[in-house]
Protein backbone atom coordinates (compact mmCIF):
# COMPACT_ATOMS: atom_id res chain seq x y z
CA UNK A 1 0.00 0.00 0.00
CA UNK A 2 2.80 2.42 0.93
CA UNK A 3 4.59 1.65 -2.34
CA UNK A 4 1.44 2.49 -4.29
CA UNK A 5 1.02 5.81 -2.47
CA UNK A 6 4.69 6.65 -2.97
CA UNK A 7 4.29 5.87 -6.63
CA UNK A 8 1.36 8.27 -6.91
CA UNK A 9 3.26 10.95 -5.02
CA UNK A 10 6.17 10.56 -7.41
CA UNK A 11 3.84 10.86 -10.37
CA UNK A 12 2.24 14.03 -9.02
CA UNK A 13 5.67 15.41 -8.17
CA UNK A 14 6.82 14.76 -11.75
CA UNK A 15 3.70 16.51 -13.05
CA UNK A 16 4.26 19.55 -10.89
CA UNK A 17 7.93 19.62 -11.96
CA UNK A 18 6.90 19.50 -15.60
CA UNK A 19 4.58 22.51 -15.37
CA UNK A 20 7.04 24.40 -13.17
CA UNK A 21 9.85 23.83 -15.68
CA UNK A 22 7.70 24.79 -18.66
CA UNK A 23 6.47 27.91 -16.86
CA UNK A 24 10.02 28.88 -15.90
CA UNK A 25 11.24 28.51 -19.48
CA UNK A 26 8.29 30.51 -20.87
CA UNK A 27 8.78 33.25 -18.29
CA UNK A 28 12.52 33.49 -18.93
CA UNK A 29 12.09 33.67 -22.69
CA UNK A 30 9.26 36.17 -22.28
CA UNK A 31 11.40 38.40 -20.08
CA UNK A 32 14.24 38.31 -22.60
CA UNK A 33 12.07 38.96 -25.64
CA UNK A 34 9.23 40.89 -24.09
CA UNK A 35 11.04 44.08 -23.07
CA UNK A 36 9.26 46.64 -25.17
CA UNK A 37 9.00 50.34 -25.60
CA UNK A 38 6.10 52.15 -27.14
CA UNK A 39 7.03 50.95 -30.64
CA UNK A 40 7.17 47.27 -29.76
CA UNK A 41 4.10 47.58 -27.54
CA UNK A 42 2.18 48.38 -30.70
CA UNK A 43 2.84 44.80 -31.85
CA UNK A 44 0.38 43.64 -29.18
CA UNK A 45 -2.51 45.03 -31.23
CA UNK A 46 -4.03 43.97 -34.54
CA UNK A 47 -6.28 45.54 -37.19
CA UNK A 48 -5.65 49.02 -35.71
CA UNK A 49 -7.57 51.89 -37.31
CA UNK A 50 -6.87 55.44 -36.10
CA UNK A 51 -8.59 58.67 -37.08
CA UNK A 52 -8.97 62.07 -35.44
CA UNK A 53 -11.73 60.92 -33.08
CA UNK A 54 -11.33 57.24 -32.31
CA UNK A 55 -9.09 54.18 -32.30
CA UNK A 56 -10.43 50.80 -33.40
CA UNK A 57 -8.30 47.78 -32.53
CA UNK A 58 -8.20 44.13 -31.53
CA UNK A 59 -6.01 42.42 -28.96
CA UNK A 60 -5.84 38.69 -28.20
CA UNK A 61 -3.02 38.77 -25.67
CA UNK A 62 -4.78 39.68 -22.40
CA UNK A 63 -7.88 38.19 -20.78
CA UNK A 64 -8.41 41.58 -19.09
CA UNK A 65 -9.51 44.07 -21.81
CA UNK A 66 -8.38 47.03 -19.69
CA UNK A 67 -4.72 46.13 -20.16
CA UNK A 68 -5.27 46.42 -23.91
CA UNK A 69 -7.35 49.58 -23.59
CA UNK A 70 -4.77 51.31 -21.39
CA UNK A 71 -1.93 50.05 -23.59
CA UNK A 72 -3.36 51.28 -26.90
CA UNK A 73 -3.91 54.71 -25.35
CA UNK A 74 -0.17 54.91 -24.68
CA UNK A 75 0.69 53.66 -28.17
CA UNK A 76 -1.30 56.47 -29.84
CA UNK A 77 -0.04 58.98 -27.23
CA UNK A 78 -3.50 60.13 -26.13
CA UNK A 79 -2.43 61.60 -22.78
CA UNK A 80 -5.09 64.33 -23.09
CA UNK A 81 -7.88 61.72 -23.39
CA UNK A 82 -9.21 63.17 -26.63
CA UNK A 83 -9.97 59.89 -28.39
CA UNK A 84 -12.56 57.17 -27.96
CA UNK A 85 -11.64 53.47 -28.22
CA UNK A 86 -13.46 50.58 -29.87
CA UNK A 87 -12.14 47.07 -29.08
CA UNK A 88 -13.12 44.22 -31.37
CA UNK A 89 -13.73 40.49 -31.03
CA UNK A 90 -12.91 38.56 -34.21
CA UNK A 91 -13.19 41.74 -36.26
CA UNK A 92 -16.57 42.79 -34.79
CA UNK A 93 -16.65 46.04 -32.74
CA UNK A 94 -17.87 45.50 -29.17
CA UNK A 95 -18.61 48.98 -27.75
CA UNK A 96 -17.13 52.48 -27.56
CA UNK A 97 -15.08 53.57 -24.51
CA UNK A 98 -14.01 57.04 -23.41
CA UNK A 99 -11.40 57.73 -20.72
CA UNK A 100 -11.61 61.07 -18.91
CA UNK A 101 -12.49 61.67 -15.29
CA UNK A 102 -13.94 58.18 -15.44
CA UNK A 103 -14.13 55.42 -18.01
CA UNK A 104 -17.46 55.29 -19.83
CA UNK A 105 -18.90 52.67 -22.15
CA UNK A 106 -21.42 53.44 -24.86
CA UNK A 107 -23.25 51.07 -27.17
CA UNK A 108 -22.62 51.26 -30.90
CA UNK A 109 -25.51 51.66 -33.29
CA UNK A 110 -25.75 49.13 -36.05
CA UNK A 111 -24.78 51.80 -38.60
CA UNK A 112 -21.65 52.65 -36.60
CA UNK A 113 -20.72 49.01 -36.15
CA UNK A 114 -21.18 48.28 -39.87
CA UNK A 115 -19.03 51.28 -40.84
CA UNK A 116 -16.18 49.98 -38.66
CA UNK A 117 -16.41 46.37 -39.85
CA UNK A 118 -14.17 45.48 -42.78
CA UNK A 119 -16.45 43.30 -44.87
CA UNK A 120 -14.37 43.70 -48.03
CA UNK A 121 -11.48 41.53 -46.86
CA UNK A 122 -11.40 37.76 -47.44
CA UNK A 123 -9.91 36.15 -45.63
CA UNK A 124 -10.07 38.78 -42.89
CA UNK A 125 -6.71 37.41 -41.71
CA UNK A 126 -5.15 39.70 -44.34
CA UNK A 127 -6.38 42.75 -42.43
CA UNK A 128 -3.24 43.20 -40.32
CA UNK A 129 -3.80 40.07 -38.21
CA UNK A 130 -0.92 37.91 -37.04
CA UNK A 131 -0.57 34.19 -37.37
CA UNK A 132 -1.33 33.70 -33.70
CA UNK A 133 -0.37 30.48 -31.89
CA UNK A 134 -0.86 29.80 -28.20
CA UNK A 135 -0.15 27.06 -25.66
CA UNK A 136 -3.08 25.98 -23.50
CA UNK A 137 -2.72 23.44 -20.67
CA UNK A 138 -5.67 21.10 -20.05
CA UNK A 139 -6.12 19.30 -16.74
CA UNK A 140 -9.02 16.99 -15.84
CA UNK A 141 -9.04 15.28 -12.46
CA UNK A 142 -11.16 13.19 -10.10
CA UNK A 143 -10.45 13.02 -6.38
CA UNK A 144 -11.49 10.84 -3.47
CA UNK A 145 -11.15 7.27 -4.72
CA UNK A 146 -9.50 5.27 -1.91
CA UNK A 147 -7.31 3.16 -4.20
CA UNK A 148 -6.45 6.12 -6.44
CA UNK A 149 -6.85 9.40 -4.51
CA UNK A 150 -6.02 11.47 -7.61
CA UNK A 151 -6.76 10.42 -11.17
CA UNK A 152 -5.97 12.94 -13.86
CA UNK A 153 -5.62 13.57 -17.57
CA UNK A 154 -3.10 16.28 -18.46
CA UNK A 155 -2.24 17.60 -21.90
CA UNK A 156 -1.03 20.73 -23.67
CA UNK A 157 -2.79 22.19 -26.70
CA UNK A 158 -1.00 24.17 -29.40
CA UNK A 159 -3.86 26.21 -30.84
CA UNK A 160 -4.43 28.82 -33.49
CA UNK A 161 -7.23 30.42 -35.48
CA UNK A 162 -7.73 31.90 -38.93
CA UNK A 163 -10.13 34.82 -39.43
CA UNK A 164 -12.23 34.20 -42.55
CA UNK A 165 -14.57 37.20 -42.46
CA UNK A 166 -15.71 39.57 -39.69
CA UNK A 167 -16.83 37.46 -36.77
CA UNK A 168 -15.94 34.11 -38.37
CA UNK A 169 -12.90 32.21 -37.13
CA UNK A 170 -11.61 28.72 -37.87
CA UNK A 171 -10.13 27.32 -34.64
CA UNK A 172 -7.69 24.44 -34.86
CA UNK A 173 -4.72 22.92 -33.08
CA UNK A 174 -2.71 19.91 -31.95
CA UNK A 175 -2.99 18.08 -28.62
CA UNK A 176 0.15 16.79 -26.89
CA UNK A 177 -0.62 14.31 -24.07
CA UNK A 178 1.41 14.54 -20.86
CA UNK A 179 -0.14 11.93 -18.54
CA UNK A 180 -3.42 10.05 -18.21
CA UNK A 181 -4.68 7.65 -15.55
CA UNK A 182 -8.23 9.03 -15.67
CA UNK A 183 -9.58 7.03 -18.61
CA UNK A 184 -8.45 4.64 -21.34
CA UNK A 185 -7.79 7.24 -24.03
CA UNK A 186 -4.47 6.48 -25.78
CA UNK A 187 -1.53 8.78 -25.09
CA UNK A 188 -0.91 9.97 -28.63
CA UNK A 189 -0.54 13.29 -30.41
CA UNK A 190 -3.83 14.09 -32.08
CA UNK A 191 -5.92 17.04 -33.34
CA UNK A 192 -7.15 19.52 -30.76
CA UNK A 193 -10.77 20.71 -31.02
CA UNK A 194 -11.44 22.01 -34.54
CA UNK A 195 -14.48 24.19 -35.11
CA UNK A 196 -15.89 27.30 -36.77
CA UNK A 197 -17.15 30.16 -34.62
CA UNK A 198 -19.21 33.15 -35.75
CA UNK A 199 -19.41 36.13 -33.39
CA UNK A 200 -22.18 38.64 -34.13
CA UNK A 201 -23.31 41.87 -32.48
CA UNK A 202 -26.25 44.21 -33.02
CA UNK A 203 -26.98 47.01 -30.55
CA UNK A 204 -26.88 45.25 -27.15
CA UNK A 205 -27.50 41.79 -28.63
CA UNK A 206 -24.60 39.35 -29.04
CA UNK A 207 -24.44 35.89 -30.58
CA UNK A 208 -21.74 33.21 -30.68
CA UNK A 209 -22.47 30.27 -33.01
CA UNK A 210 -20.10 27.30 -33.29
CA UNK A 211 -19.97 24.07 -35.30
CA UNK A 212 -17.35 21.33 -35.25
CA UNK A 213 -15.38 19.23 -32.78
CA UNK A 214 -15.54 20.82 -29.31
CA UNK A 215 -13.86 20.17 -25.99
CA UNK A 216 -15.20 17.50 -23.60
CA UNK A 217 -15.45 14.95 -26.44
CA UNK A 218 -18.53 16.56 -27.97
CA UNK A 219 -19.09 17.47 -31.63
CA UNK A 220 -22.02 19.27 -33.19
CA UNK A 221 -23.51 22.77 -33.15
CA UNK A 222 -23.90 25.33 -30.38
CA UNK A 223 -25.53 28.78 -30.36
CA UNK A 224 -25.28 31.26 -27.50
CA UNK A 225 -27.27 34.51 -27.31
CA UNK A 226 -26.77 37.29 -24.78
CA UNK A 227 -28.38 40.66 -24.13
CA UNK A 228 -25.74 42.84 -22.49
CA UNK A 229 -25.76 46.55 -21.77
CA UNK A 230 -22.24 47.35 -20.57
CA UNK A 231 -23.66 49.99 -18.22
CA UNK A 232 -26.47 47.92 -16.74
CA UNK A 233 -26.15 45.47 -13.83
CA UNK A 234 -28.51 43.06 -15.58
CA UNK A 235 -27.84 40.68 -18.45
CA UNK A 236 -29.55 37.52 -19.66
CA UNK A 237 -28.91 34.82 -22.18
CA UNK A 238 -29.93 31.60 -23.90
CA UNK A 239 -27.84 28.66 -25.11
CA UNK A 240 -28.87 25.76 -27.30
CA UNK A 241 -26.74 22.94 -28.68
CA UNK A 242 -27.06 19.55 -30.29
CA UNK A 243 -24.04 17.29 -29.98
CA UNK A 244 -22.75 13.73 -29.99
CA UNK A 245 -19.70 12.08 -28.47
CA UNK A 246 -16.41 11.62 -30.31
CA UNK A 247 -12.83 10.69 -29.54
CA UNK A 248 -9.66 9.59 -31.28
CA UNK A 249 -8.72 5.93 -30.85
CA UNK A 250 -5.52 4.77 -32.47
CA UNK A 251 -5.93 4.81 -36.20
CA UNK A 252 -9.08 6.89 -36.64
CA UNK A 253 -12.01 8.86 -35.30
CA UNK A 254 -14.89 7.34 -33.32
CA UNK A 255 -18.17 9.22 -33.10
CA UNK A 256 -21.76 8.64 -32.07
CA UNK A 257 -25.09 10.06 -33.14
CA UNK A 258 -25.83 13.74 -32.48
CA UNK A 259 -28.66 13.30 -29.98
CA UNK A 260 -27.63 15.28 -26.88
CA UNK A 261 -29.68 18.44 -26.50
CA UNK A 262 -28.37 21.31 -24.39
CA UNK A 263 -30.91 24.04 -23.64
CA UNK A 264 -30.13 26.62 -20.94
CA UNK A 265 -31.36 30.09 -20.01
CA UNK A 266 -29.83 32.41 -17.43
CA UNK A 267 -30.10 35.78 -15.73
CA UNK A 268 -27.10 37.58 -14.23
CA UNK A 269 -26.95 40.55 -11.85
CA UNK A 270 -23.84 42.61 -11.03
CA UNK A 271 -23.16 44.32 -7.70
CA UNK A 272 -21.05 47.02 -9.27
CA UNK A 273 -19.06 48.28 -6.28
CA UNK A 274 -17.60 44.82 -5.70
CA UNK A 275 -17.64 43.44 -9.27
CA UNK A 276 -19.64 40.61 -7.74
CA UNK A 277 -22.09 38.70 -9.94
CA UNK A 278 -24.98 36.41 -9.12
CA UNK A 279 -26.10 34.16 -11.95
CA UNK A 280 -29.08 31.82 -12.03
CA UNK A 281 -29.38 29.36 -14.90
CA UNK A 282 -31.59 26.41 -15.65
CA UNK A 283 -32.85 24.04 -18.31
CA UNK A 284 -31.48 20.84 -19.77
CA UNK A 285 -27.80 20.07 -19.36
CA UNK A 286 -25.94 17.23 -21.06
CA UNK A 287 -27.23 13.67 -20.80
CA UNK A 288 -30.85 14.90 -20.62
CA UNK A 289 -30.25 16.13 -17.08
CA UNK A 290 -32.79 18.85 -16.17
CA UNK A 291 -32.26 21.28 -13.32
CA UNK A 292 -30.71 24.55 -12.24
CA UNK A 293 -27.45 26.16 -11.18
CA UNK A 294 -26.60 29.15 -8.99
CA UNK A 295 -23.23 30.90 -9.49
CA UNK A 296 -21.55 33.40 -7.19
CA UNK A 297 -18.75 35.10 -9.19
CA UNK A 298 -16.15 37.65 -8.10
CA UNK A 299 -14.13 39.54 -10.70
CA UNK A 300 -10.69 40.69 -9.61
CA UNK A 301 -8.32 42.65 -11.83
CA UNK A 302 -6.89 39.69 -13.73
CA UNK A 303 -8.52 36.75 -11.97
CA UNK A 304 -12.07 35.44 -11.68
CA UNK A 305 -13.19 33.15 -8.84
CA UNK A 306 -16.60 31.50 -8.53
CA UNK A 307 -18.61 29.27 -6.22
CA UNK A 308 -21.65 27.38 -7.46
CA UNK A 309 -24.44 25.01 -6.48
CA UNK A 310 -26.15 22.60 -8.89
CA UNK A 311 -29.45 20.78 -8.33
CA UNK A 312 -30.78 18.50 -11.08
CA UNK A 313 -32.67 15.27 -11.64
CA UNK A 314 -29.42 13.38 -11.08
CA UNK A 315 -28.70 14.94 -7.69
CA UNK A 316 -27.25 18.02 -6.05
CA UNK A 317 -23.68 19.14 -5.60
CA UNK A 318 -21.44 22.21 -5.26
CA UNK A 319 -18.02 23.34 -6.40
CA UNK A 320 -15.76 26.19 -7.35
CA UNK A 321 -14.03 27.48 -10.46
CA UNK A 322 -11.45 30.06 -11.40
CA UNK A 323 -9.95 31.76 -14.43
CA UNK A 324 -6.39 33.05 -14.44
CA UNK A 325 -3.93 34.37 -17.04
CA UNK A 326 -0.80 32.30 -17.69
CA UNK A 327 2.55 34.10 -17.85
CA UNK A 328 4.54 35.23 -19.73
CA UNK A 329 1.84 35.84 -22.38
CA UNK A 330 4.26 36.65 -25.23
CA UNK A 331 6.98 34.09 -25.95
CA UNK A 332 7.98 35.22 -29.45
CA UNK A 333 6.32 38.05 -31.39
CA UNK A 334 6.89 39.79 -34.69
CA UNK A 335 4.64 41.92 -36.89
CA UNK A 336 3.40 38.78 -38.70
CA UNK A 337 3.53 35.98 -36.14
CA UNK A 338 3.21 35.35 -32.42
CA UNK A 339 3.69 32.42 -30.07
CA UNK A 340 2.18 33.00 -26.63
CA UNK A 341 0.56 31.33 -23.69
CA UNK A 342 -3.22 31.25 -23.61
CA UNK A 343 -4.87 34.42 -22.34
CA UNK A 344 -6.93 32.38 -19.88
CA UNK A 345 -6.76 29.07 -18.04
CA UNK A 346 -10.17 28.16 -16.65
CA UNK A 347 -10.71 25.20 -14.30
CA UNK A 348 -13.66 23.84 -12.32
CA UNK A 349 -13.92 21.45 -9.39
CA UNK A 350 -17.22 19.68 -8.83
CA UNK A 351 -17.78 17.83 -5.58
CA UNK A 352 -19.19 14.35 -6.32
CA UNK A 353 -18.30 14.82 -9.98
CA UNK A 354 -18.82 11.95 -12.39
CA UNK A 355 -22.53 11.54 -11.73
CA UNK A 356 -23.58 13.58 -14.77
CA UNK A 357 -24.99 16.44 -12.73
CA UNK A 358 -25.25 19.79 -14.49
CA UNK A 359 -22.57 18.92 -17.04
CA UNK A 360 -21.88 20.92 -20.18
CA UNK A 361 -19.13 21.15 -22.78
CA UNK A 362 -16.80 23.95 -23.79
CA UNK A 363 -16.58 25.65 -27.12
CA UNK A 364 -13.82 28.20 -27.63
CA UNK A 365 -15.34 30.57 -25.08
CA UNK A 366 -18.55 31.04 -23.17
CA UNK A 367 -20.28 34.23 -24.26
CA UNK A 368 -21.26 35.54 -20.83
CA UNK A 369 -17.73 34.98 -19.52
CA UNK A 370 -16.23 36.91 -22.43
CA UNK A 371 -18.65 39.85 -22.39
CA UNK A 372 -18.62 40.49 -18.64
CA UNK A 373 -14.97 41.51 -19.04
CA UNK A 374 -16.11 44.56 -21.04
CA UNK A 375 -18.50 45.96 -18.43
CA UNK A 376 -18.06 49.65 -17.67
CA UNK A 377 -17.83 49.23 -13.89
CA UNK A 378 -15.22 46.47 -14.08
CA UNK A 379 -13.01 48.54 -16.40
CA UNK A 380 -13.59 51.86 -14.63
CA UNK A 381 -12.51 50.43 -11.27
CA UNK A 382 -9.16 49.57 -12.81
CA UNK A 383 -8.94 52.92 -14.58
CA UNK A 384 -9.38 54.81 -11.30
CA UNK A 385 -6.48 52.84 -9.82
CA UNK A 386 -4.14 54.19 -12.52
CA UNK A 387 -4.59 57.81 -11.40
């Protein structure tokens, strides 16, 4: 028994050493190559359009949009706060921001958004976008089994995306396995999730539609809708998906029928002074499991931490999750290409997991998680700290 425990401890120690070594190498290279003045800082931004009144830009380096917003202001030397700023997601303008005594967000009309969207470029990748590659660690684990206290599946994804037209991105990558004693999936290099994603915005309405091979061994289609006013404490959304299971055995691709319906609605309220959010969602999760979920989410400057409770037909449980950036962000960057770490590592622990309670799959991003980063109060709190 002691030999078995020592063996597990050694395995975990090796795993920790691996990530520590990789992180140390990335950080060292980033420090050597990432020293940048105003000129090199401009390389962090893509599809930049500057006129006498506003700056339109996109950045994929930081999970916190304020770092990009504050950085582009320095690049264009707007110390007098004369310009407005329009960040984009996949070539689609999100909202307009003005920095003065405070930071203010204003919705774009459809005419304004259309005028700023470059529909004439195909593929949109030609519109001053880099060939962007990023490393994304993936860690799945189950705890509590007496014979195997920790069972895990660890891998690293090398991912990228190609912008086809405004809002449309082809996401692709390669998966490199590190260790796996969680399931019987073979340890072999194989494709990472490959899917198309269309982001769309009109007034305060936002849509993310995806089709392809997703995370969590699900393939199919997924559509997320969200009504978000970046000044209001309220937002609400709807998500629907139809998927089937897939995985890569040695020598091919195994898949099952698309018969798993996901149908969820939610309402979210923000306590602005604390950047604290309460979210209530319900409907049908994966595996036909009907029920509800309550999330308690706290946004810090670069980190998000959440607690949640789930109650469904299959039982009730609780857990926590977090989202953090991974240093050093940039590893190598030129005007045409970039290798970086992922802007966000998101992980969730579910007590009594494995009983198919409140489960869902991941596409490239969850729309409510992405949009809450652009809320006026969240960004203004950081802006006030710079004064």
